[in-house]
Amino acid sequence: MRLRHSETGAPFLFFLKFSCDLAAMAEKNSLKRSGRQHVENSGVETYTPAVGPIIDLLHLIVIVAGVGIGVWALVALRGRLPRGRFLVFGGASAAALFGCAALAGEVGLLPPAAWFAVVIAVLAAIVVAAYRVPRLPAAWR
């Protein structure tokens, strides 16, 4: 069995790659991208650092809205929708989880700002639907 790199060459190749990565990171600043191509899962940044905090803020808004609607459903809809409140809670939780994945870039088709608008619209539709469902009669108790 023949190895691709000799035992003496492997540490040298590692050091060469490590030093090239450090040099590429040192020449990069926040306003320009490095000249290297992006390789998936390589750890090289592919976005402008100013975008990161905005996406983090959108994540926070989606999480707070999802948790807030879930808590509201479990507490405020106790008398109005005794069993349906769990559907509202599950829908808000699923929307918040999907929204975080979409904002992280795990779901394609739309940019993160558009996914944020879609998720917030779905959360608002869940709240409107919970209010529009008629109150159940007390006969089932």
C-alpha atoms as a PDB file:
ATOM      1  CA  MET A   1       0.000   0.000   0.000  1.00  0.00           C
ATOM      2  CA  ARG A   2       1.509   3.281  -1.038  1.00  0.00           C
ATOM      3  CA  LEU A   3       0.695   6.423   0.933  1.00  0.00           C
ATOM      4  CA  ARG A   4      -0.114   9.616  -0.883  1.00  0.00           C
ATOM      5  CA  HIS A   5       2.310  11.695   1.181  1.00  0.00           C
ATOM      6  CA  SER A   6       5.357  10.414   2.881  1.00  0.00           C
ATOM      7  CA  GLU A   7       5.534  10.490   6.655  1.00  0.00           C
ATOM      8  CA  THR A   8       8.054  13.328   6.541  1.00  0.00           C
ATOM      9  CA  GLY A   9       6.088  15.396   4.036  1.00  0.00           C
ATOM     10  CA  ALA A  10       2.729  15.358   5.825  1.00  0.00           C
ATOM     11  CA  PRO A  11       3.667  17.772   8.666  1.00  0.00           C
ATOM     12  CA  PHE A  12       5.288  20.106   6.146  1.00  0.00           C
ATOM     13  CA  LEU A  13       2.130  20.153   4.011  1.00  0.00           C
ATOM     14  CA  PHE A  14       0.004  20.837   7.088  1.00  0.00           C
ATOM     15  CA  PHE A  15       2.271  23.735   8.118  1.00  0.00           C
ATOM     16  CA  LEU A  16       2.217  25.113   4.562  1.00  0.00           C
ATOM     17  CA  LYS A  17      -1.585  25.057   4.417  1.00  0.00           C
ATOM     18  CA  PHE A  18      -1.896  26.521   7.930  1.00  0.00           C
ATOM     19  CA  SER A  19       0.468  29.398   7.165  1.00  0.00           C
ATOM     20  CA  CYS A  20      -1.348  30.159   3.872  1.00  0.00           C
ATOM     21  CA  ASP A  21      -4.680  30.308   5.719  1.00  0.00           C
ATOM     22  CA  LEU A  22      -3.221  32.729   8.263  1.00  0.00           C
ATOM     23  CA  ALA A  23      -1.822  34.941   5.521  1.00  0.00           C
ATOM     24  CA  ALA A  24      -5.165  34.973   3.687  1.00  0.00           C
ATOM     25  CA  MET A  25      -7.033  35.883   6.870  1.00  0.00           C
ATOM     26  CA  ALA A  26      -4.543  38.628   7.712  1.00  0.00           C
ATOM     27  CA  GLU A  27      -4.983  40.364   4.350  1.00  0.00           C
ATOM     28  CA  LYS A  28      -8.775  40.294   4.549  1.00  0.00           C
ATOM     29  CA  ASN A  29     -10.654  43.157   6.162  1.00  0.00           C
ATOM     30  CA  SER A  30     -14.366  43.771   6.707  1.00  0.00           C
ATOM     31  CA  LEU A  31     -14.945  45.552   3.403  1.00  0.00           C
ATOM     32  CA  LYS A  32     -13.394  43.213   0.879  1.00  0.00           C
ATOM     33  CA  ARG A  33     -13.490  39.517   0.321  1.00  0.00           C
ATOM     34  CA  SER A  34     -10.446  37.355  -0.009  1.00  0.00           C
ATOM     35  CA  GLY A  35      -9.471  36.307  -3.494  1.00  0.00           C
ATOM     36  CA  ARG A  36      -9.927  32.625  -2.686  1.00  0.00           C
ATOM     37  CA  GLN A  37     -12.944  30.591  -3.751  1.00  0.00           C
ATOM     38  CA  HIS A  38     -15.369  29.413  -1.088  1.00  0.00           C
ATOM     39  CA  VAL A  39     -15.258  25.710  -0.291  1.00  0.00           C
ATOM     40  CA  GLU A  40     -18.221  24.319   1.638  1.00  0.00           C
ATOM     41  CA  ASN A  41     -17.446  23.582   5.323  1.00  0.00           C
ATOM     42  CA  SER A  42     -14.008  25.132   5.029  1.00  0.00           C
ATOM     43  CA  GLY A  43     -14.546  27.763   7.708  1.00  0.00           C
ATOM     44  CA  VAL A  44     -13.847  30.669   5.339  1.00  0.00           C
ATOM     45  CA  GLU A  45     -16.266  33.577   5.746  1.00  0.00           C
ATOM     46  CA  THR A  46     -18.401  34.296   2.712  1.00  0.00           C
ATOM     47  CA  TYR A  47     -20.492  37.195   4.008  1.00  0.00           C
ATOM     48  CA  THR A  48     -19.792  40.753   4.971  1.00  0.00           C
ATOM     49  CA  PRO A  49     -19.453  40.861   8.775  1.00  0.00           C
ATOM     50  CA  ALA A  50     -21.996  43.689   9.002  1.00  0.00           C
ATOM     51  CA  VAL A  51     -24.722  41.270   7.865  1.00  0.00           C
ATOM     52  CA  GLY A  52     -24.168  38.917  10.828  1.00  0.00           C
ATOM     53  CA  PRO A  53     -25.652  41.128  13.558  1.00  0.00           C
ATOM     54  CA  ILE A  54     -28.698  41.937  11.426  1.00  0.00           C
ATOM     55  CA  ILE A  55     -29.453  38.261  10.897  1.00  0.00           C
ATOM     56  CA  ASP A  56     -28.887  37.637  14.616  1.00  0.00           C
ATOM     57  CA  LEU A  57     -31.426  40.350  15.412  1.00  0.00           C
ATOM     58  CA  LEU A  58     -33.939  38.750  13.033  1.00  0.00           C
ATOM     59  CA  HIS A  59     -33.305  35.388  14.744  1.00  0.00           C
ATOM     60  CA  LEU A  60     -33.997  36.979  18.103  1.00  0.00           C
ATOM     61  CA  ILE A  61     -37.233  38.587  16.883  1.00  0.00           C
ATOM     62  CA  VAL A  62     -38.484  35.277  15.443  1.00  0.00           C
ATOM     63  CA  ILE A  63     -37.649  33.387  18.648  1.00  0.00           C
ATOM     64  CA  VAL A  64     -39.274  35.991  20.914  1.00  0.00           C
ATOM     65  CA  ALA A  65     -42.388  36.144  18.716  1.00  0.00           C
ATOM     66  CA  GLY A  66     -42.701  32.350  18.577  1.00  0.00           C
ATOM     67  CA  VAL A  67     -42.221  31.890  22.319  1.00  0.00           C
ATOM     68  CA  GLY A  68     -44.528  34.818  23.088  1.00  0.00           C
ATOM     69  CA  ILE A  69     -47.318  33.460  20.903  1.00  0.00           C
ATOM     70  CA  GLY A  70     -46.834  29.988  22.393  1.00  0.00           C
ATOM     71  CA  VAL A  71     -47.101  31.288  25.952  1.00  0.00           C
ATOM     72  CA  TRP A  72     -50.101  33.411  25.001  1.00  0.00           C
ATOM     73  CA  ALA A  73     -51.781  30.362  23.474  1.00  0.00           C
ATOM     74  CA  LEU A  74     -51.262  28.211  26.549  1.00  0.00           C
ATOM     75  CA  VAL A  75     -52.381  30.870  29.031  1.00  0.00           C
ATOM     76  CA  ALA A  76     -54.905  33.159  27.334  1.00  0.00           C
ATOM     77  CA  LEU A  77     -56.686  30.544  25.221  1.00  0.00           C
ATOM     78  CA  ARG A  78     -57.291  28.243  28.175  1.00  0.00           C
ATOM     79  CA  GLY A  79     -61.020  28.980  28.303  1.00  0.00           C
ATOM     80  CA  ARG A  80     -61.605  29.808  24.642  1.00  0.00           C
ATOM     81  CA  LEU A  81     -59.861  26.834  23.004  1.00  0.00           C
ATOM     82  CA  PRO A  82     -59.248  24.188  25.661  1.00  0.00           C
ATOM     83  CA  ARG A  83     -57.734  21.666  23.238  1.00  0.00           C
ATOM     84  CA  GLY A  84     -57.023  23.928  20.270  1.00  0.00           C
ATOM     85  CA  ARG A  85     -54.554  26.005  22.235  1.00  0.00           C
ATOM     86  CA  PHE A  86     -52.023  23.208  21.842  1.00  0.00           C
ATOM     87  CA  LEU A  87     -52.391  23.441  18.065  1.00  0.00           C
ATOM     88  CA  VAL A  88     -51.674  27.173  18.254  1.00  0.00           C
ATOM     89  CA  PHE A  89     -48.671  26.492  20.497  1.00  0.00           C
ATOM     90  CA  GLY A  90     -47.372  23.792  18.128  1.00  0.00           C
ATOM     91  CA  GLY A  91     -47.867  26.005  15.082  1.00  0.00           C
ATOM     92  CA  ALA A  92     -46.005  28.906  16.691  1.00  0.00           C
ATOM     93  CA  SER A  93     -43.175  26.600  17.767  1.00  0.00           C
ATOM     94  CA  ALA A  94     -42.888  25.065  14.291  1.00  0.00           C
ATOM     95  CA  ALA A  95     -42.931  28.494  12.637  1.00  0.00           C
ATOM     96  CA  ALA A  96     -40.202  29.780  14.970  1.00  0.00           C
ATOM     97  CA  LEU A  97     -38.048  26.690  14.387  1.00  0.00           C
ATOM     98  CA  PHE A  98     -38.471  26.888  10.617  1.00  0.00           C
ATOM     99  CA  GLY A  99     -37.843  30.645  10.711  1.00  0.00           C
ATOM    100  CA  CYS A 100     -34.533  30.186  12.492  1.00  0.00           C
ATOM    101  CA  ALA A 101     -33.452  27.549   9.983  1.00  0.00           C
ATOM    102  CA  ALA A 102     -34.497  29.749   7.056  1.00  0.00           C
ATOM    103  CA  LEU A 103     -32.687  32.787   8.453  1.00  0.00           C
ATOM    104  CA  ALA A 104     -29.553  30.703   8.936  1.00  0.00           C
ATOM    105  CA  GLY A 105     -29.560  29.891   5.231  1.00  0.00           C
ATOM    106  CA  GLU A 106     -30.566  26.246   5.565  1.00  0.00           C
ATOM    107  CA  VAL A 107     -33.623  26.779   3.344  1.00  0.00           C
ATOM    108  CA  GLY A 108     -33.130  28.188  -0.123  1.00  0.00           C
ATOM    109  CA  LEU A 109     -35.601  29.808  -2.527  1.00  0.00           C
ATOM    110  CA  LEU A 110     -35.724  33.210  -0.777  1.00  0.00           C
ATOM    111  CA  PRO A 111     -33.247  35.571   0.880  1.00  0.00           C
ATOM    112  CA  PRO A 112     -33.288  35.737   4.712  1.00  0.00           C
ATOM    113  CA  ALA A 113     -35.240  39.021   4.830  1.00  0.00           C
ATOM    114  CA  ALA A 114     -38.028  37.499   2.752  1.00  0.00           C
ATOM    115  CA  TRP A 115     -38.116  34.397   4.955  1.00  0.00           C
ATOM    116  CA  PHE A 116     -38.369  36.680   7.975  1.00  0.00           C
ATOM    117  CA  ALA A 117     -41.412  38.399   6.454  1.00  0.00           C
ATOM    118  CA  VAL A 118     -43.017  35.043   5.614  1.00  0.00           C
ATOM    119  CA  VAL A 119     -42.490  33.639   9.114  1.00  0.00           C
ATOM    120  CA  ILE A 120     -43.810  36.775  10.836  1.00  0.00           C
ATOM    121  CA  ALA A 121     -46.850  36.702   8.515  1.00  0.00           C
ATOM    122  CA  VAL A 122     -47.474  33.042   9.405  1.00  0.00           C
ATOM    123  CA  LEU A 123     -47.211  33.828  13.120  1.00  0.00           C
ATOM    124  CA  ALA A 124     -49.677  36.696  12.707  1.00  0.00           C
ATOM    125  CA  ALA A 125     -52.041  34.419  10.753  1.00  0.00           C
ATOM    126  CA  ILE A 126     -51.888  31.873  13.585  1.00  0.00           C
ATOM    127  CA  VAL A 127     -52.939  34.560  16.079  1.00  0.00           C
ATOM    128  CA  VAL A 128     -55.766  35.775  13.824  1.00  0.00           C
ATOM    129  CA  ALA A 129     -56.982  32.200  13.269  1.00  0.00           C
ATOM    130  CA  ALA A 130     -56.979  31.562  17.026  1.00  0.00           C
ATOM    131  CA  TYR A 131     -59.238  34.590  17.544  1.00  0.00           C
ATOM    132  CA  ARG A 132     -61.519  33.731  14.609  1.00  0.00           C
ATOM    133  CA  VAL A 133     -62.324  30.199  15.804  1.00  0.00           C
ATOM    134  CA  PRO A 134     -65.682  30.348  17.591  1.00  0.00           C
ATOM    135  CA  ARG A 135     -65.853  29.595  21.280  1.00  0.00           C
ATOM    136  CA  LEU A 136     -66.832  25.983  21.934  1.00  0.00           C
ATOM    137  CA  PRO A 137     -70.095  25.404  23.778  1.00  0.00           C
ATOM    138  CA  ALA A 138     -69.876  24.108  27.328  1.00  0.00           C
ATOM    139  CA  ALA A 139     -71.965  21.022  26.446  1.00  0.00           C
ATOM    140  CA  TRP A 140     -68.919  18.787  25.888  1.00  0.00           C
ATOM    141  CA  ARG A 141     -67.798  19.192  29.510  1.00  0.00           C
END
